[in-house]
PDB file of N, CA and C in Angstrom:
ATOM      1  N   MET A   1     112.728 107.991 117.510  1.00  0.00           N
ATOM      2  CA  MET A   1     111.469 107.363 117.117  1.00  0.00           C
ATOM      3  C   MET A   1     111.587 106.783 115.721  1.00  0.00           C
ATOM      4  N   ASP A   2     110.870 105.704 115.484  1.00  0.00           N
ATOM      5  CA  ASP A   2     110.896 105.058 114.180  1.00  0.00           C
ATOM      6  C   ASP A   2     110.523 105.993 113.044  1.00  0.00           C
ATOM      7  N   SER A   3     109.517 106.823 113.246  1.00  0.00           N
ATOM      8  CA  SER A   3     109.046 107.684 112.168  1.00  0.00           C
ATOM      9  C   SER A   3     110.135 108.646 111.702  1.00  0.00           C
ATOM     10  N   GLU A   4     111.106 108.931 112.551  1.00  0.00           N
ATOM     11  CA  GLU A   4     112.188 109.830 112.167  1.00  0.00           C
ATOM     12  C   GLU A   4     113.114 109.179 111.147  1.00  0.00           C
ATOM     13  N   ARG A   5     113.225 107.848 111.147  1.00  0.00           N
ATOM     14  CA  ARG A   5     114.129 107.158 110.236  1.00  0.00           C
ATOM     15  C   ARG A   5     113.535 106.979 108.853  1.00  0.00           C
ATOM     16  N   ARG A   6     112.238 107.031 108.730  1.00  0.00           N
ATOM     17  CA  ARG A   6     111.595 106.784 107.444  1.00  0.00           C
ATOM     18  C   ARG A   6     111.821 107.934 106.495  1.00  0.00           C
ATOM     19  N   ARG A   7     112.129 107.586 105.251  1.00  0.00           N
ATOM     20  CA  ARG A   7     112.404 108.611 104.252  1.00  0.00           C
ATOM     21  C   ARG A   7     111.186 108.913 103.387  1.00  0.00           C
ATOM     22  N   ALA A   8     110.146 108.087 103.496  1.00  0.00           N
ATOM     23  CA  ALA A   8     108.979 108.265 102.627  1.00  0.00           C
ATOM     24  C   ALA A   8     107.719 107.955 103.420  1.00  0.00           C
ATOM     25  N   PRO A   9     106.601 108.621 103.075  1.00  0.00           N
ATOM     26  CA  PRO A   9     105.353 108.326 103.780  1.00  0.00           C
ATOM     27  C   PRO A   9     104.886 106.898 103.522  1.00  0.00           C
ATOM     28  N   ARG A  10     104.270 106.303 104.537  1.00  0.00           N
ATOM     29  CA  ARG A  10     103.726 104.950 104.413  1.00  0.00           C
ATOM     30  C   ARG A  10     102.225 105.034 104.244  1.00  0.00           C
ATOM     31  N   TYR A  11     101.692 104.094 103.477  1.00  0.00           N
ATOM     32  CA  TYR A  11     100.255 104.057 103.233  1.00  0.00           C
ATOM     33  C   TYR A  11      99.727 102.666 103.557  1.00  0.00           C
ATOM     34  N   PRO A  12      98.569 102.597 104.228  1.00  0.00           N
ATOM     35  CA  PRO A  12      97.990 101.286 104.515  1.00  0.00           C
ATOM     36  C   PRO A  12      97.557 100.607 103.218  1.00  0.00           C
ATOM     37  N   ILE A  13      97.852  99.333 103.116  1.00  0.00           N
ATOM     38  CA  ILE A  13      97.453  98.533 101.952  1.00  0.00           C
ATOM     39  C   ILE A  13      97.353  97.083 102.404  1.00  0.00           C
ATOM     40  N   ILE A  14      96.287  96.433 102.003  1.00  0.00           N
ATOM     41  CA  ILE A  14      96.140  95.005 102.274  1.00  0.00           C
ATOM     42  C   ILE A  14      96.217  94.303 100.928  1.00  0.00           C
ATOM     43  N   ALA A  15      97.255  93.503 100.759  1.00  0.00           N
ATOM     44  CA  ALA A  15      97.438  92.782  99.504  1.00  0.00           C
ATOM     45  C   ALA A  15      98.198  91.493  99.780  1.00  0.00           C
ATOM     46  N   ASP A  16      98.001  90.510  98.920  1.00  0.00           N
ATOM     47  CA  ASP A  16      98.741  89.255  99.049  1.00  0.00           C
ATOM     48  C   ASP A  16     100.193  89.477  98.659  1.00  0.00           C
ATOM     49  N   ALA A  17     101.091  88.789  99.355  1.00  0.00           N
ATOM     50  CA  ALA A  17     102.511  88.891  99.038  1.00  0.00           C
ATOM     51  C   ALA A  17     103.150  87.515  99.120  1.00  0.00           C
ATOM     52  N   GLU A  18     104.182  87.346  98.332  1.00  0.00           N
ATOM     53  CA  GLU A  18     105.000  86.138  98.407  1.00  0.00           C
ATOM     54  C   GLU A  18     106.432  86.581  98.631  1.00  0.00           C
ATOM     55  N   VAL A  19     107.078  85.976  99.600  1.00  0.00           N
ATOM     56  CA  VAL A  19     108.464  86.286  99.933  1.00  0.00           C
ATOM     57  C   VAL A  19     109.310  85.084  99.554  1.00  0.00           C
ATOM     58  N   THR A  20     110.406  85.325  98.842  1.00  0.00           N
ATOM     59  CA  THR A  20     111.363  84.266  98.544  1.00  0.00           C
ATOM     60  C   THR A  20     112.691  84.656  99.180  1.00  0.00           C
ATOM     61  N   GLU A  21     113.170  83.819 100.091  1.00  0.00           N
ATOM     62  CA  GLU A  21     114.476  84.065 100.699  1.00  0.00           C
ATOM     63  C   GLU A  21     115.533  83.719  99.659  1.00  0.00           C
ATOM     64  N   ILE A  22     116.401  84.655  99.329  1.00  0.00           N
ATOM     65  CA  ILE A  22     117.357  84.453  98.250  1.00  0.00           C
ATOM     66  C   ILE A  22     118.315  83.297  98.547  1.00  0.00           C
ATOM     67  N   ALA A  23     118.864  83.217  99.737  1.00  0.00           N
ATOM     68  CA  ALA A  23     119.857  82.190 100.053  1.00  0.00           C
ATOM     69  C   ALA A  23     119.271  80.775 100.029  1.00  0.00           C
ATOM     70  N   SER A  24     118.094  80.600 100.626  1.00  0.00           N
ATOM     71  CA  SER A  24     117.518  79.258 100.752  1.00  0.00           C
ATOM     72  C   SER A  24     116.483  78.941  99.678  1.00  0.00           C
ATOM     73  N   GLU A  25     116.032  79.966  98.955  1.00  0.00           N
ATOM     74  CA  GLU A  25     114.964  79.849  97.966  1.00  0.00           C
ATOM     75  C   GLU A  25     113.628  79.422  98.588  1.00  0.00           C
ATOM     76  N   ALA A  26     113.521  79.542  99.914  1.00  0.00           N
ATOM     77  CA  ALA A  26     112.263  79.231 100.595  1.00  0.00           C
ATOM     78  C   ALA A  26     111.222  80.268 100.212  1.00  0.00           C
ATOM     79  N   LYS A  27     110.008  79.797  99.925  1.00  0.00           N
ATOM     80  CA  LYS A  27     108.902  80.692  99.587  1.00  0.00           C
ATOM     81  C   LYS A  27     107.940  80.762 100.759  1.00  0.00           C
ATOM     82  N   LEU A  28     107.550  81.983 101.125  1.00  0.00           N
ATOM     83  CA  LEU A  28     106.670  82.203 102.263  1.00  0.00           C
ATOM     84  C   LEU A  28     105.518  83.095 101.834  1.00  0.00           C
ATOM     85  N   SER A  29     104.341  82.834 102.381  1.00  0.00           N
ATOM     86  CA  SER A  29     103.178  83.674 102.093  1.00  0.00           C
ATOM     87  C   SER A  29     103.052  84.754 103.152  1.00  0.00           C
ATOM     88  N   ALA A  30     102.563  85.916 102.718  1.00  0.00           N
ATOM     89  CA  ALA A  30     102.380  87.037 103.648  1.00  0.00           C
ATOM     90  C   ALA A  30     101.277  87.937 103.116  1.00  0.00           C
ATOM     91  N   LYS A  31     100.947  88.939 103.906  1.00  0.00           N
ATOM     92  CA  LYS A  31     100.038  90.016 103.489  1.00  0.00           C
ATOM     93  C   LYS A  31     100.748  91.323 103.797  1.00  0.00           C
ATOM     94  N   THR A  32     100.588  92.300 102.929  1.00  0.00           N
ATOM     95  CA  THR A  32     101.143  93.611 103.242  1.00  0.00           C
ATOM     96  C   THR A  32     100.166  94.352 104.141  1.00  0.00           C
ATOM     97  N   SER A  33     100.698  95.194 105.007  1.00  0.00           N
ATOM     98  CA  SER A  33      99.822  96.070 105.785  1.00  0.00           C
ATOM     99  C   SER A  33     100.157  97.531 105.547  1.00  0.00           C
ATOM    100  N   ASP A  34     101.375  97.813 105.074  1.00  0.00           N
ATOM    101  CA  ASP A  34     101.670  99.165 104.633  1.00  0.00           C
ATOM    102  C   ASP A  34     102.769  99.137 103.584  1.00  0.00           C
ATOM    103  N   LEU A  35     102.830 100.232 102.813  1.00  0.00           N
ATOM    104  CA  LEU A  35     103.736 100.310 101.676  1.00  0.00           C
ATOM    105  C   LEU A  35     104.261 101.730 101.556  1.00  0.00           C
ATOM    106  N   SER A  36     105.539 101.859 101.203  1.00  0.00           N
ATOM    107  CA  SER A  36     106.121 103.170 100.932  1.00  0.00           C
ATOM    108  C   SER A  36     107.064 103.027  99.750  1.00  0.00           C
ATOM    109  N   ALA A  37     107.647 104.140  99.320  1.00  0.00           N
ATOM    110  CA  ALA A  37     108.598 104.096  98.214  1.00  0.00           C
ATOM    111  C   ALA A  37     109.846 103.308  98.594  1.00  0.00           C
ATOM    112  N   GLY A  38     110.118 103.196  99.888  1.00  0.00           N
ATOM    113  CA  GLY A  38     111.342 102.537 100.328  1.00  0.00           C
ATOM    114  C   GLY A  38     111.193 101.143 100.880  1.00  0.00           C
ATOM    115  N   GLY A  39     109.944 100.675 101.080  1.00  0.00           N
ATOM    116  CA  GLY A  39     109.776  99.349 101.645  1.00  0.00           C
ATOM    117  C   GLY A  39     108.335  99.068 102.019  1.00  0.00           C
ATOM    118  N   CYS A  40     108.154  98.009 102.811  1.00  0.00           N
ATOM    119  CA  CYS A  40     106.805  97.617 103.210  1.00  0.00           C
ATOM    120  C   CYS A  40     106.868  96.840 104.513  1.00  0.00           C
ATOM    121  N   PHE A  41     105.700  96.631 105.116  1.00  0.00           N
ATOM    122  CA  PHE A  41     105.591  95.741 106.267  1.00  0.00           C
ATOM    123  C   PHE A  41     104.774  94.545 105.821  1.00  0.00           C
ATOM    124  N   LEU A  42     105.282  93.352 106.142  1.00  0.00           N
ATOM    125  CA  LEU A  42     104.611  92.115 105.757  1.00  0.00           C
ATOM    126  C   LEU A  42     104.114  91.398 106.999  1.00  0.00           C
ATOM    127  N   ASP A  43     102.815  91.165 107.047  1.00  0.00           N
ATOM    128  CA  ASP A  43     102.216  90.405 108.148  1.00  0.00           C
ATOM    129  C   ASP A  43     102.419  88.928 107.865  1.00  0.00           C
ATOM    130  N   MET A  44     103.078  88.233 108.797  1.00  0.00           N
ATOM    131  CA  MET A  44     103.283  86.793 108.646  1.00  0.00           C
ATOM    132  C   MET A  44     103.634  86.186 109.994  1.00  0.00           C
ATOM    133  N   ILE A  45     103.246  84.924 110.173  1.00  0.00           N
ATOM    134  CA  ILE A  45     103.469  84.247 111.456  1.00  0.00           C
ATOM    135  C   ILE A  45     104.949  83.990 111.711  1.00  0.00           C
ATOM    136  N   ASN A  46     105.678  83.559 110.690  1.00  0.00           N
ATOM    137  CA  ASN A  46     107.094  83.219 110.847  1.00  0.00           C
ATOM    138  C   ASN A  46     107.972  84.116 109.979  1.00  0.00           C
ATOM    139  N   PRO A  47     108.235  85.354 110.420  1.00  0.00           N
ATOM    140  CA  PRO A  47     109.060  86.246 109.607  1.00  0.00           C
ATOM    141  C   PRO A  47     110.495  85.742 109.482  1.00  0.00           C
ATOM    142  N   SER A  48     111.155  86.148 108.415  1.00  0.00           N
ATOM    143  CA  SER A  48     112.557  85.802 108.193  1.00  0.00           C
ATOM    144  C   SER A  48     113.432  86.589 109.165  1.00  0.00           C
ATOM    145  N   PRO A  49     114.612  86.067 109.478  1.00  0.00           N
ATOM    146  CA  PRO A  49     115.506  86.781 110.407  1.00  0.00           C
ATOM    147  C   PRO A  49     115.948  88.133 109.860  1.00  0.00           C
ATOM    148  N   GLU A  50     116.237  89.045 110.767  1.00  0.00           N
ATOM    149  CA  GLU A  50     116.736  90.364 110.391  1.00  0.00           C
ATOM    150  C   GLU A  50     117.983  90.199 109.527  1.00  0.00           C
ATOM    151  N   GLY A  51     118.082  90.983 108.461  1.00  0.00           N
ATOM    152  CA  GLY A  51     119.236  90.916 107.572  1.00  0.00           C
ATOM    153  C   GLY A  51     119.044  89.969 106.392  1.00  0.00           C
ATOM    154  N   THR A  52     117.976  89.152 106.410  1.00  0.00           N
ATOM    155  CA  THR A  52     117.730  88.213 105.316  1.00  0.00           C
ATOM    156  C   THR A  52     117.430  88.969 104.026  1.00  0.00           C
ATOM    157  N   GLU A  53     118.103  88.574 102.944  1.00  0.00           N
ATOM    158  CA  GLU A  53     117.823  89.166 101.639  1.00  0.00           C
ATOM    159  C   GLU A  53     116.707  88.371 100.977  1.00  0.00           C
ATOM    160  N   ILE A  54     115.746  89.102 100.431  1.00  0.00           N
ATOM    161  CA  ILE A  54     114.548  88.468  99.893  1.00  0.00           C
ATOM    162  C   ILE A  54     114.153  89.070  98.544  1.00  0.00           C
ATOM    163  N   VAL A  55     113.263  88.372  97.874  1.00  0.00           N
ATOM    164  CA  VAL A  55     112.509  88.943  96.764  1.00  0.00           C
ATOM    165  C   VAL A  55     111.066  88.968  97.243  1.00  0.00           C
ATOM    166  N   VAL A  56     110.429  90.106  97.137  1.00  0.00           N
ATOM    167  CA  VAL A  56     109.029  90.225  97.557  1.00  0.00           C
ATOM    168  C   VAL A  56     108.177  90.486  96.322  1.00  0.00           C
ATOM    169  N   ARG A  57     107.076  89.757  96.243  1.00  0.00           N
ATOM    170  CA  ARG A  57     106.124  89.947  95.150  1.00  0.00           C
ATOM    171  C   ARG A  57     104.773  90.260  95.762  1.00  0.00           C
ATOM    172  N   ILE A  58     104.239  91.434  95.458  1.00  0.00           N
ATOM    173  CA  ILE A  58     102.960  91.886  96.010  1.00  0.00           C
ATOM    174  C   ILE A  58     101.946  91.930  94.877  1.00  0.00           C
ATOM    175  N   SER A  59     100.796  91.316  95.102  1.00  0.00           N
ATOM    176  CA  SER A  59      99.745  91.299  94.086  1.00  0.00           C
ATOM    177  C   SER A  59      98.575  92.142  94.568  1.00  0.00           C
ATOM    178  N   ARG A  60      98.142  93.056  93.694  1.00  0.00           N
ATOM    179  CA  ARG A  60      97.025  93.953  94.030  1.00  0.00           C
ATOM    180  C   ARG A  60      96.196  94.152  92.774  1.00  0.00           C
ATOM    181  N   ALA A  61      94.901  93.864  92.870  1.00  0.00           N
ATOM    182  CA  ALA A  61      94.012  93.910  91.709  1.00  0.00           C
ATOM    183  C   ALA A  61      94.617  93.024  90.618  1.00  0.00           C
ATOM    184  N   ASP A  62      94.876  93.565  89.435  1.00  0.00           N
ATOM    185  CA  ASP A  62      95.450  92.762  88.354  1.00  0.00           C
ATOM    186  C   ASP A  62      96.924  93.073  88.136  1.00  0.00           C
ATOM    187  N   THR A  63      97.571  93.639  89.138  1.00  0.00           N
ATOM    188  CA  THR A  63      98.958  94.075  88.974  1.00  0.00           C
ATOM    189  C   THR A  63      99.842  93.427  90.033  1.00  0.00           C
ATOM    190  N   THR A  64     101.086  93.172  89.642  1.00  0.00           N
ATOM    191  CA  THR A  64     102.059  92.601  90.566  1.00  0.00           C
ATOM    192  C   THR A  64     103.290  93.489  90.605  1.00  0.00           C
ATOM    193  N   PHE A  65     103.813  93.694  91.806  1.00  0.00           N
ATOM    194  CA  PHE A  65     105.046  94.455  92.021  1.00  0.00           C
ATOM    195  C   PHE A  65     106.080  93.495  92.586  1.00  0.00           C
ATOM    196  N   THR A  66     107.272  93.483  92.007  1.00  0.00           N
ATOM    197  CA  THR A  66     108.345  92.604  92.470  1.00  0.00           C
ATOM    198  C   THR A  66     109.619  93.415  92.679  1.00  0.00           C
ATOM    199  N   ALA A  67     110.279  93.190  93.819  1.00  0.00           N
ATOM    200  CA  ALA A  67     111.530  93.886  94.108  1.00  0.00           C
ATOM    201  C   ALA A  67     112.381  93.047  95.051  1.00  0.00           C
ATOM    202  N   ARG A  68     113.673  93.318  95.030  1.00  0.00           N
ATOM    203  CA  ARG A  68     114.561  92.721  96.038  1.00  0.00           C
ATOM    204  C   ARG A  68     114.500  93.586  97.284  1.00  0.00           C
ATOM    205  N   GLY A  69     114.695  92.947  98.420  1.00  0.00           N
ATOM    206  CA  GLY A  69     114.660  93.687  99.666  1.00  0.00           C
ATOM    207  C   GLY A  69     115.471  92.999 100.736  1.00  0.00           C
ATOM    208  N   LYS A  70     115.465  93.627 101.909  1.00  0.00           N
ATOM    209  CA  LYS A  70     116.199  93.106 103.057  1.00  0.00           C
ATOM    210  C   LYS A  70     115.333  93.311 104.287  1.00  0.00           C
ATOM    211  N   VAL A  71     115.279  92.298 105.141  1.00  0.00           N
ATOM    212  CA  VAL A  71     114.515  92.403 106.385  1.00  0.00           C
ATOM    213  C   VAL A  71     115.285  93.335 107.324  1.00  0.00           C
ATOM    214  N   VAL A  72     114.653  94.444 107.721  1.00  0.00           N
ATOM    215  CA  VAL A  72     115.342  95.412 108.578  1.00  0.00           C
ATOM    216  C   VAL A  72     114.870  95.361 110.030  1.00  0.00           C
ATOM    217  N   PHE A  73     113.687  94.806 110.278  1.00  0.00           N
ATOM    218  CA  PHE A  73     113.244  94.550 111.654  1.00  0.00           C
ATOM    219  C   PHE A  73     112.142  93.507 111.607  1.00  0.00           C
ATOM    220  N   LEU A  74     111.916  92.871 112.743  1.00  0.00           N
ATOM    221  CA  LEU A  74     110.827  91.907 112.784  1.00  0.00           C
ATOM    222  C   LEU A  74     110.166  91.898 114.143  1.00  0.00           C
ATOM    223  N   PHE A  75     108.918  91.484 114.117  1.00  0.00           N
ATOM    224  CA  PHE A  75     108.145  91.251 115.321  1.00  0.00           C
ATOM    225  C   PHE A  75     107.776  89.775 115.292  1.00  0.00           C
ATOM    226  N   PRO A  76     108.367  88.937 116.171  1.00  0.00           N
ATOM    227  CA  PRO A  76     108.073  87.506 116.152  1.00  0.00           C
ATOM    228  C   PRO A  76     106.571  87.233 116.174  1.00  0.00           C
ATOM    229  N   ASN A  77     106.155  86.287 115.372  1.00  0.00           N
ATOM    230  CA  ASN A  77     104.753  85.861 115.239  1.00  0.00           C
ATOM    231  C   ASN A  77     103.832  86.959 114.693  1.00  0.00           C
ATOM    232  N   MET A  78     104.394  88.056 114.191  1.00  0.00           N
ATOM    233  CA  MET A  78     103.555  89.140 113.664  1.00  0.00           C
ATOM    234  C   MET A  78     103.941  89.549 112.249  1.00  0.00           C
ATOM    235  N   GLY A  79     105.238  89.754 112.003  1.00  0.00           N
ATOM    236  CA  GLY A  79     105.636  90.175 110.675  1.00  0.00           C
ATOM    237  C   GLY A  79     107.001  90.828 110.664  1.00  0.00           C
ATOM    238  N   MET A  80     107.323  91.424 109.503  1.00  0.00           N
ATOM    239  CA  MET A  80     108.653  91.995 109.340  1.00  0.00           C
ATOM    240  C   MET A  80     108.617  93.235 108.456  1.00  0.00           C
ATOM    241  N   GLY A  81     109.528  94.144 108.758  1.00  0.00           N
ATOM    242  CA  GLY A  81     109.707  95.329 107.944  1.00  0.00           C
ATOM    243  C   GLY A  81     110.762  95.068 106.893  1.00  0.00           C
ATOM    244  N   VAL A  82     110.464  95.431 105.667  1.00  0.00           N
ATOM    245  CA  VAL A  82     111.357  95.180 104.543  1.00  0.00           C
ATOM    246  C   VAL A  82     111.751  96.501 103.897  1.00  0.00           C
ATOM    247  N   MET A  83     113.054  96.666 103.660  1.00  0.00           N
ATOM    248  CA  MET A  83     113.557  97.809 102.908  1.00  0.00           C
ATOM    249  C   MET A  83     113.860  97.314 101.498  1.00  0.00           C
ATOM    250  N   PHE A  84     113.309  98.000 100.492  1.00  0.00           N
ATOM    251  CA  PHE A  84     113.607  97.621  99.118  1.00  0.00           C
ATOM    252  C   PHE A  84     115.059  97.980  98.812  1.00  0.00           C
ATOM    253  N   THR A  85     115.803  97.038  98.230  1.00  0.00           N
ATOM    254  CA  THR A  85     117.211  97.282  97.907  1.00  0.00           C
ATOM    255  C   THR A  85     117.432  97.394  96.407  1.00  0.00           C
ATOM    256  N   SER A  86     116.530  96.836  95.605  1.00  0.00           N
ATOM    257  CA  SER A  86     116.660  96.924  94.155  1.00  0.00           C
ATOM    258  C   SER A  86     115.274  96.839  93.531  1.00  0.00           C
ATOM    259  N   VAL A  87     114.866  97.931  92.898  1.00  0.00           N
ATOM    260  CA  VAL A  87     113.562  97.991  92.247  1.00  0.00           C
ATOM    261  C   VAL A  87     113.791  98.269  90.766  1.00  0.00           C
ATOM    262  N   PRO A  88     113.537  97.274  89.887  1.00  0.00           N
ATOM    263  CA  PRO A  88     113.704  97.521  88.452  1.00  0.00           C
ATOM    264  C   PRO A  88     112.821  98.683  87.989  1.00  0.00           C
ATOM    265  N   ALA A  89     113.245  99.371  86.944  1.00  0.00           N
ATOM    266  CA  ALA A  89     112.523 100.553  86.451  1.00  0.00           C
ATOM    267  C   ALA A  89     111.051 100.245  86.169  1.00  0.00           C
ATOM    268  N   SER A  90     110.771  99.092  85.559  1.00  0.00           N
ATOM    269  CA  SER A  90     109.380  98.741  85.245  1.00  0.00           C
ATOM    270  C   SER A  90     108.552  98.574  86.517  1.00  0.00           C
ATOM    271  N   GLN A  91     109.187  98.079  87.575  1.00  0.00           N
ATOM    272  CA  GLN A  91     108.492  97.879  88.840  1.00  0.00           C
ATOM    273  C   GLN A  91     108.352  99.195  89.600  1.00  0.00           C
ATOM    274  N   GLN A  92     109.300 100.099  89.419  1.00  0.00           N
ATOM    275  CA  GLN A  92     109.222 101.419  90.053  1.00  0.00           C
ATOM    276  C   GLN A  92     107.963 102.145  89.584  1.00  0.00           C
ATOM    277  N   THR A  93     107.634 101.973  88.309  1.00  0.00           N
ATOM    278  CA  THR A  93     106.432 102.590  87.744  1.00  0.00           C
ATOM    279  C   THR A  93     105.180 102.048  88.430  1.00  0.00           C
ATOM    280  N   VAL A  94     105.137 100.727  88.646  1.00  0.00           N
ATOM    281  CA  VAL A  94     104.003 100.099  89.336  1.00  0.00           C
ATOM    282  C   VAL A  94     103.901 100.647  90.756  1.00  0.00           C
ATOM    283  N   LEU A  95     105.022 100.694  91.453  1.00  0.00           N
ATOM    284  CA  LEU A  95     105.040 101.169  92.834  1.00  0.00           C
ATOM    285  C   LEU A  95     104.556 102.614  92.921  1.00  0.00           C
ATOM    286  N   GLU A  96     105.055 103.472  92.040  1.00  0.00           N
ATOM    287  CA  GLU A  96     104.645 104.882  92.066  1.00  0.00           C
ATOM    288  C   GLU A  96     103.153 105.037  91.795  1.00  0.00           C
ATOM    289  N   LYS A  97     102.624 104.232  90.881  1.00  0.00           N
ATOM    290  CA  LYS A  97     101.184 104.288  90.577  1.00  0.00           C
ATOM    291  C   LYS A  97     100.371 103.881  91.811  1.00  0.00           C
ATOM    292  N   TRP A  98     100.772 102.787  92.452  1.00  0.00           N
ATOM    293  CA  TRP A  98     100.069 102.340  93.659  1.00  0.00           C
ATOM    294  C   TRP A  98     100.122 103.406  94.742  1.00  0.00           C
ATOM    295  N   LEU A  99     101.299 103.977  94.979  1.00  0.00           N
ATOM    296  CA  LEU A  99     101.443 104.983  96.042  1.00  0.00           C
ATOM    297  C   LEU A  99     100.582 106.209  95.742  1.00  0.00           C
ATOM    298  N   GLU A 100     100.487 106.580  94.471  1.00  0.00           N
ATOM    299  CA  GLU A 100      99.640 107.715  94.107  1.00  0.00           C
ATOM    300  C   GLU A 100      98.171 107.388  94.408  1.00  0.00           C
ATOM    301  N   GLU A 101      97.752 106.161  94.070  1.00  0.00           N
ATOM    302  CA  GLU A 101      96.366 105.749  94.360  1.00  0.00           C
ATOM    303  C   GLU A 101      96.108 105.717  95.864  1.00  0.00           C
ATOM    304  N   LEU A 102      97.061 105.158  96.612  1.00  0.00           N
ATOM    305  CA  LEU A 102      96.896 105.032  98.058  1.00  0.00           C
ATOM    306  C   LEU A 102      96.880 106.388  98.763  1.00  0.00           C
ATOM    307  N   SER A 103      97.579 107.364  98.185  1.00  0.00           N
ATOM    308  CA  SER A 103      97.640 108.689  98.804  1.00  0.00           C
ATOM    309  C   SER A 103      96.408 109.524  98.477  1.00  0.00           C
ATOM    310  N   GLY A 104      95.543 108.972  97.629  1.00  0.00           N
ATOM    311  CA  GLY A 104      94.329 109.694  97.250  1.00  0.00           C
ATOM    312  C   GLY A 104      94.525 110.515  96.005  1.00  0.00           C
ATOM    313  N   GLY A 105      95.681 110.407  95.373  1.00  0.00           N
ATOM    314  CA  GLY A 105      95.958 111.201  94.180  1.00  0.00           C
ATOM    315  C   GLY A 105      95.527 110.540  92.876  1.00  0.00           C
ATOM    316  N   GLY A 106      95.160 109.233  92.933  1.00  0.00           N
ATOM    317  CA  GLY A 106      94.852 108.563  91.674  1.00  0.00           C
ATOM    318  C   GLY A 106      93.503 108.035  91.723  1.00  0.00           C
TER     319      GLY A 106
END
């Protein structure tokens, strides 16, 4: 089952996101539907192919989180699952704060 592979709890979140495909520099708009310490799911009509390396930027309230990631699965015409591959220390702090708020701890 999918839930067995996840290393961190996921939390529902609706936020605007921008995806930049690293190889082509194509920019795509998306919305997040869930977020975890290891990745997120992005709702979008035309998801990038599995294995695509991306930069994802998620905007929530007055804060933005940016990280590199890789598309690990997709649902055509629905969205894609992204695993974060590189999260700068400053962005890790933003992510941890959001996850604490989403879990009801903040």
